[in-house]
Amino acid sequence: MKLAGKSVAVVAPAGVPDMEHVEHSIALLESWGLRVQVGAHVRDRYRYHAGKHEDRAADLHRALTDPSVDIVWIARGGYGSVYCLHALPPDVPCAKTVVGFSDATALFGALHGMPNVRVIHGPTLNGLATKHDDASRDSMLAELREERAAPVPLQRLHGSGTSRVEGRLAGGNITVLASLAGTQWQARCDGAIVLLEDVTELAYRIDRSMMQLREAGVFDGARAFVLGDFIRCPLPDNADFTLHDMLVDLLKPYDVPIYAGFPFGHGTRNHAWTYGAHAVLEGEQLVR
């Protein structure tokens, strides 16, 4: 995609963004040659959401159906995108790229596979310019341009190191994925390399969410798992195991390779990737 002159609509379907951070990110997007418009209700506040549910949903619907908008960029994660799912249009009339992560995981299952929609798991505008590093911004820019990404070295935690695995990329935030299990928007991971991350969740809560996903069949048919960052996810005092130990135990029953080390999630480095894109795991690296 050539970016010069492309239009970005900023929407806030979830938590209240810090507009100072957002403005810095908008300036960055403009330096990339993008034209930016801010949704009517992005600056609103209703309890812990960025405006009332119907207003947030209206901004999102408008951005997805407006033929003058090329890129729909989520302002912030937090919580609240689930309220907008019923208001998503049944179809998107022209090509759109949607960018977000964290709570935006709730939008991915609903939007992925819809004609004309490309979903990029990448930094929100609440942190693109101020909370993530240059490597994150470079990866975001490359993903927008649809450039081939450099291979990412990984750490193998389980499974054969000689096997080659191909699949589409899926996943996102564990807690949000678990919250959708059993709904019409439940994620589908069959044939997928599943990327997982989380933030500010105690280990047992991550365990509980993973069990919910397992029992709901969300991971059935997955070809591999790749763990990202788990920021401020503490273990119990005097724990004799690591978070990776716990996650490997939970994922072992699928009998597929499990890796760690993909730099995405809520850390300083939030590497962008396209939901549904073809990828290969080979030689302990992820190639896209």
Protein backbone atom coordinates (compact mmCIF):
# COMPACT_ATOMS: atom_id res chain seq x y z
CA MET A 1 0.00 0.00 0.00
CA LYS A 2 1.29 3.46 -0.90
CA LEU A 3 0.57 5.60 2.17
CA ALA A 4 0.83 9.13 0.81
CA GLY A 5 -2.61 10.69 0.78
CA LYS A 6 -4.37 7.74 2.44
CA SER A 7 -7.03 8.68 4.99
CA VAL A 8 -7.07 7.51 8.62
CA ALA A 9 -10.17 7.59 10.83
CA VAL A 10 -9.38 7.50 14.56
CA VAL A 11 -12.01 5.70 16.63
CA ALA A 12 -12.22 4.79 20.33
CA PRO A 13 -14.48 1.73 20.77
CA ALA A 14 -13.13 0.86 24.20
CA GLY A 15 -11.23 2.72 26.94
CA VAL A 16 -10.62 6.44 27.35
CA PRO A 17 -7.51 7.47 25.39
CA ASP A 18 -4.95 9.97 26.61
CA MET A 19 -5.40 12.61 23.93
CA GLU A 20 -1.90 14.00 24.44
CA HIS A 21 -0.46 10.61 23.46
CA VAL A 22 -2.96 10.33 20.61
CA GLU A 23 -2.02 13.77 19.25
CA HIS A 24 1.67 12.77 19.21
CA SER A 25 0.74 9.65 17.26
CA ILE A 26 -1.41 11.62 14.83
CA ALA A 27 1.57 13.87 14.14
CA LEU A 28 3.63 10.75 13.42
CA LEU A 29 0.99 9.42 11.00
CA GLU A 30 0.92 12.76 9.22
CA SER A 31 4.71 12.60 8.88
CA TRP A 32 4.15 9.27 7.07
CA GLY A 33 1.98 11.10 4.54
CA LEU A 34 -1.38 10.05 6.00
CA ARG A 35 -4.40 12.32 6.39
CA VAL A 36 -6.04 11.91 9.79
CA GLN A 37 -9.58 12.61 10.98
CA VAL A 38 -10.70 12.05 14.56
CA GLY A 39 -14.05 10.41 15.26
CA ALA A 40 -16.80 12.59 16.69
CA HIS A 41 -16.85 10.84 20.08
CA VAL A 42 -13.16 9.97 20.63
CA ARG A 43 -12.85 12.70 23.26
CA ASP A 44 -16.02 11.65 25.10
CA ARG A 45 -16.09 9.84 28.42
CA TYR A 46 -18.77 7.63 29.90
CA ARG A 47 -17.74 5.84 33.09
CA TYR A 48 -14.61 3.88 32.07
CA HIS A 49 -15.41 3.98 28.36
CA ALA A 50 -14.63 6.53 25.64
CA GLY A 51 -18.22 7.69 25.39
CA LYS A 52 -21.59 5.96 25.46
CA HIS A 53 -21.86 2.56 23.82
CA GLU A 54 -24.05 3.75 20.95
CA ASP A 55 -21.71 6.67 20.21
CA ARG A 56 -18.56 4.55 20.16
CA ALA A 57 -20.31 2.01 17.93
CA ALA A 58 -21.53 4.78 15.61
CA ASP A 59 -18.00 6.15 15.14
CA LEU A 60 -16.72 2.67 14.30
CA HIS A 61 -19.59 1.92 11.91
CA ARG A 62 -19.15 5.26 10.18
CA ALA A 63 -15.41 4.72 9.69
CA LEU A 64 -15.92 1.20 8.29
CA THR A 65 -18.56 2.32 5.79
CA ASP A 66 -17.19 5.71 4.73
CA PRO A 67 -15.65 5.29 1.25
CA SER A 68 -13.23 8.15 1.92
CA VAL A 69 -11.54 6.26 4.81
CA ASP A 70 -8.69 3.87 4.04
CA ILE A 71 -7.44 3.02 7.55
CA VAL A 72 -9.45 2.71 10.77
CA TRP A 73 -7.08 3.14 13.71
CA ILE A 74 -8.10 2.29 17.27
CA ALA A 75 -7.20 5.02 19.76
CA ARG A 76 -6.85 2.80 22.83
CA GLY A 77 -7.56 -0.66 24.21
CA GLY A 78 -8.83 -1.03 27.76
CA TYR A 79 -12.31 -2.52 27.63
CA GLY A 80 -15.48 -1.95 25.67
CA SER A 81 -15.11 -3.11 22.04
CA VAL A 82 -17.52 -5.98 22.74
CA TYR A 83 -20.36 -3.43 22.99
CA CYS A 84 -19.71 -2.43 19.38
CA LEU A 85 -19.80 -5.90 17.83
CA HIS A 86 -23.55 -5.96 17.22
CA ALA A 87 -23.23 -2.63 15.41
CA LEU A 88 -20.59 -3.76 12.91
CA PRO A 89 -21.83 -3.47 9.33
CA PRO A 90 -22.74 -6.76 7.59
CA ASP A 91 -20.28 -5.86 4.85
CA VAL A 92 -17.65 -3.21 4.20
CA PRO A 93 -18.14 -1.59 0.79
CA CYS A 94 -14.51 -0.75 0.01
CA ALA A 95 -11.01 -1.70 1.14
CA LYS A 96 -10.23 -0.93 4.78
CA THR A 97 -7.26 -1.63 7.04
CA VAL A 98 -8.12 -1.81 10.77
CA VAL A 99 -5.30 -1.34 13.30
CA GLY A 100 -5.33 -2.14 17.01
CA PHE A 101 -4.52 -4.69 19.71
CA SER A 102 -5.40 -5.63 23.28
CA ASP A 103 -9.17 -5.08 23.64
CA ALA A 104 -9.37 -4.73 19.86
CA THR A 105 -8.90 -8.53 19.83
CA ALA A 106 -12.69 -8.54 20.27
CA LEU A 107 -13.04 -6.98 16.80
CA PHE A 108 -10.68 -9.36 15.02
CA GLY A 109 -12.91 -12.43 14.93
CA ALA A 110 -15.85 -10.36 13.74
CA LEU A 111 -13.92 -8.50 11.04
CA HIS A 112 -11.37 -11.07 9.85
CA GLY A 113 -12.55 -12.81 6.73
CA MET A 114 -14.99 -10.03 5.86
CA PRO A 115 -14.43 -8.96 2.24
CA ASN A 116 -12.42 -5.74 1.85
CA VAL A 117 -11.12 -5.80 5.45
CA ARG A 118 -7.50 -6.27 6.52
CA VAL A 119 -6.77 -6.38 10.25
CA ILE A 120 -3.34 -5.45 11.62
CA HIS A 121 -2.49 -6.35 15.22
CA GLY A 122 -0.34 -3.37 16.12
CA PRO A 123 0.03 -0.36 18.42
CA THR A 124 -2.94 1.84 19.16
CA LEU A 125 -2.56 5.60 18.90
CA ASN A 126 -2.45 5.81 22.69
CA GLY A 127 1.11 4.48 22.52
CA LEU A 128 2.40 4.35 18.93
CA ALA A 129 4.49 7.53 19.22
CA THR A 130 5.12 7.60 22.97
CA LYS A 131 5.13 4.14 24.56
CA HIS A 132 6.63 1.85 21.92
CA ASP A 133 10.10 1.82 20.41
CA ASP A 134 11.40 2.66 16.95
CA ALA A 135 11.40 -1.01 15.98
CA SER A 136 7.65 -1.14 16.72
CA ARG A 137 7.00 1.92 14.62
CA ASP A 138 9.15 0.55 11.79
CA SER A 139 7.27 -2.76 11.85
CA MET A 140 3.94 -0.91 11.84
CA LEU A 141 4.97 1.20 8.86
CA ALA A 142 6.22 -1.88 6.98
CA GLU A 143 2.99 -3.76 7.69
CA LEU A 144 0.92 -0.87 6.39
CA ARG A 145 2.99 -0.85 3.22
CA GLU A 146 2.55 -4.63 2.94
CA GLU A 147 6.31 -5.14 2.86
CA ARG A 148 7.86 -8.50 3.65
CA ALA A 149 8.79 -8.69 7.33
CA ALA A 150 12.21 -9.81 8.56
CA PRO A 151 12.26 -13.28 10.21
CA VAL A 152 11.76 -13.17 13.98
CA PRO A 153 13.97 -15.48 16.09
CA LEU A 154 12.07 -17.51 18.68
CA GLN A 155 12.72 -19.80 21.64
CA ARG A 156 11.29 -23.29 21.29
CA LEU A 157 9.55 -24.41 24.48
CA HIS A 158 7.97 -27.66 23.32
CA GLY A 159 7.90 -29.91 20.26
CA SER A 160 10.32 -30.93 17.56
CA GLY A 161 12.82 -28.29 16.52
CA THR A 162 13.11 -29.75 13.02
CA SER A 163 9.45 -29.53 12.04
CA ARG A 164 8.25 -26.91 9.58
CA VAL A 165 4.84 -25.43 10.35
CA GLU A 166 2.75 -23.31 8.02
CA GLY A 167 -0.47 -21.55 8.88
CA ARG A 168 -2.37 -18.32 9.10
CA LEU A 169 -1.72 -15.97 12.02
CA ALA A 170 -4.45 -15.70 14.67
CA GLY A 171 -4.82 -14.98 18.37
CA GLY A 172 -4.26 -11.83 20.39
CA ASN A 173 -5.04 -11.06 24.01
CA ILE A 174 -5.84 -14.19 26.04
CA THR A 175 -8.32 -12.57 28.42
CA VAL A 176 -10.30 -10.97 25.58
CA LEU A 177 -10.29 -14.19 23.56
CA ALA A 178 -11.64 -16.05 26.60
CA SER A 179 -14.36 -13.45 27.13
CA LEU A 180 -15.73 -14.23 23.65
CA ALA A 181 -15.64 -18.01 24.02
CA GLY A 182 -19.16 -19.36 23.57
CA THR A 183 -20.40 -16.28 21.71
CA GLN A 184 -21.02 -15.82 18.01
CA TRP A 185 -17.67 -14.04 17.83
CA GLN A 186 -15.62 -16.90 19.28
CA ALA A 187 -12.19 -17.09 17.65
CA ARG A 188 -11.41 -19.91 15.23
CA CYS A 189 -7.86 -21.20 15.34
CA ASP A 190 -8.02 -24.29 13.14
CA GLY A 191 -5.10 -24.21 10.70
CA ALA A 192 -3.53 -21.30 12.58
CA ILE A 193 -0.27 -20.33 14.19
CA VAL A 194 -1.74 -18.83 17.35
CA LEU A 195 -0.03 -15.78 18.88
CA LEU A 196 -0.90 -15.07 22.53
CA GLU A 197 -0.18 -12.27 25.01
CA ASP A 198 -1.65 -10.65 28.11
CA VAL A 199 -1.18 -7.85 30.63
CA THR A 200 -1.86 -7.24 34.35
CA GLU A 201 -3.33 -10.68 34.94
CA LEU A 202 -2.34 -12.95 37.83
CA ALA A 203 -1.06 -16.34 36.73
CA TYR A 204 -4.14 -18.22 37.93
CA ARG A 205 -6.40 -15.87 35.96
CA ILE A 206 -4.43 -16.59 32.79
CA ASP A 207 -4.74 -20.30 33.63
CA ARG A 208 -8.51 -19.90 34.01
CA SER A 209 -8.83 -18.06 30.68
CA MET A 210 -6.72 -20.69 28.92
CA MET A 211 -8.90 -23.48 30.31
CA GLN A 212 -11.99 -21.62 29.09
CA LEU A 213 -10.47 -21.41 25.61
CA ARG A 214 -9.49 -25.07 25.68
CA GLU A 215 -12.88 -26.33 26.81
CA ALA A 216 -14.68 -24.11 24.29
CA GLY A 217 -12.64 -25.68 21.49
CA VAL A 218 -11.12 -22.37 20.41
CA PHE A 219 -7.66 -23.88 19.93
CA ASP A 220 -8.83 -27.04 18.19
CA GLY A 221 -6.88 -27.55 14.97
CA ALA A 222 -4.13 -25.06 15.85
CA ARG A 223 -0.81 -25.87 14.18
CA ALA A 224 1.49 -24.08 16.64
CA PHE A 225 1.49 -21.56 19.48
CA VAL A 226 3.79 -18.54 19.81
CA LEU A 227 3.90 -16.62 23.08
CA GLY A 228 4.44 -12.89 23.14
CA ASP A 229 4.87 -10.59 26.13
CA PHE A 230 3.13 -11.06 29.47
CA ILE A 231 3.53 -7.70 31.16
CA ARG A 232 2.90 -7.37 34.91
CA CYS A 233 1.53 -10.94 35.12
CA PRO A 234 2.96 -12.05 38.48
CA LEU A 235 3.33 -15.59 39.75
CA PRO A 236 2.36 -16.58 43.30
CA ASP A 237 4.91 -15.87 46.02
CA ASN A 238 7.60 -18.56 46.18
CA ALA A 239 6.44 -20.10 42.90
CA ASP A 240 8.70 -22.91 41.69
CA PHE A 241 7.58 -22.52 38.07
CA THR A 242 7.61 -19.89 35.36
CA LEU A 243 4.69 -18.50 33.39
CA HIS A 244 6.05 -20.31 30.35
CA ASP A 245 6.02 -23.57 32.33
CA MET A 246 2.36 -23.04 33.13
CA LEU A 247 1.42 -22.15 29.55
CA VAL A 248 3.30 -25.11 28.10
CA ASP A 249 1.42 -27.46 30.47
CA LEU A 250 -1.86 -25.94 29.29
CA LEU A 251 -0.99 -26.21 25.59
CA LYS A 252 0.85 -29.56 25.55
CA PRO A 253 -2.34 -31.57 24.90
CA TYR A 254 -2.51 -30.11 21.38
CA ASP A 255 0.76 -31.88 20.52
CA VAL A 256 2.02 -29.02 18.37
CA PRO A 257 5.15 -26.86 18.66
CA ILE A 258 5.14 -24.10 21.27
CA TYR A 259 7.47 -21.11 20.99
CA ALA A 260 8.13 -17.91 22.93
CA GLY A 261 9.86 -14.66 22.15
CA PHE A 262 7.70 -12.91 19.57
CA PRO A 263 7.93 -9.25 20.70
CA PHE A 264 4.30 -8.21 20.69
CA GLY A 265 1.79 -7.15 23.30
CA HIS A 266 1.89 -4.48 25.98
CA GLY A 267 5.65 -4.05 26.26
CA THR A 268 7.91 -1.38 24.79
CA ARG A 269 8.21 -3.42 21.61
CA ASN A 270 4.89 -4.24 19.98
CA HIS A 271 5.71 -5.84 16.65
CA ALA A 272 2.90 -5.47 14.11
CA TRP A 273 1.44 -8.48 12.27
CA THR A 274 -1.48 -9.02 9.96
CA TYR A 275 -4.31 -11.20 11.25
CA GLY A 276 -4.85 -14.12 8.89
CA ALA A 277 -1.57 -13.64 7.02
CA HIS A 278 0.34 -16.75 5.96
CA ALA A 279 3.40 -17.53 8.08
CA VAL A 280 5.99 -20.28 8.50
CA LEU A 281 7.76 -21.56 11.60
CA GLU A 282 11.08 -23.08 10.63
CA GLY A 283 14.55 -23.16 12.15
CA GLU A 284 13.24 -21.56 15.36
CA GLN A 285 12.10 -18.42 13.63
CA LEU A 286 8.83 -16.98 12.39
CA VAL A 287 8.86 -16.04 8.71
CA ARG A 288 6.07 -13.96 7.17
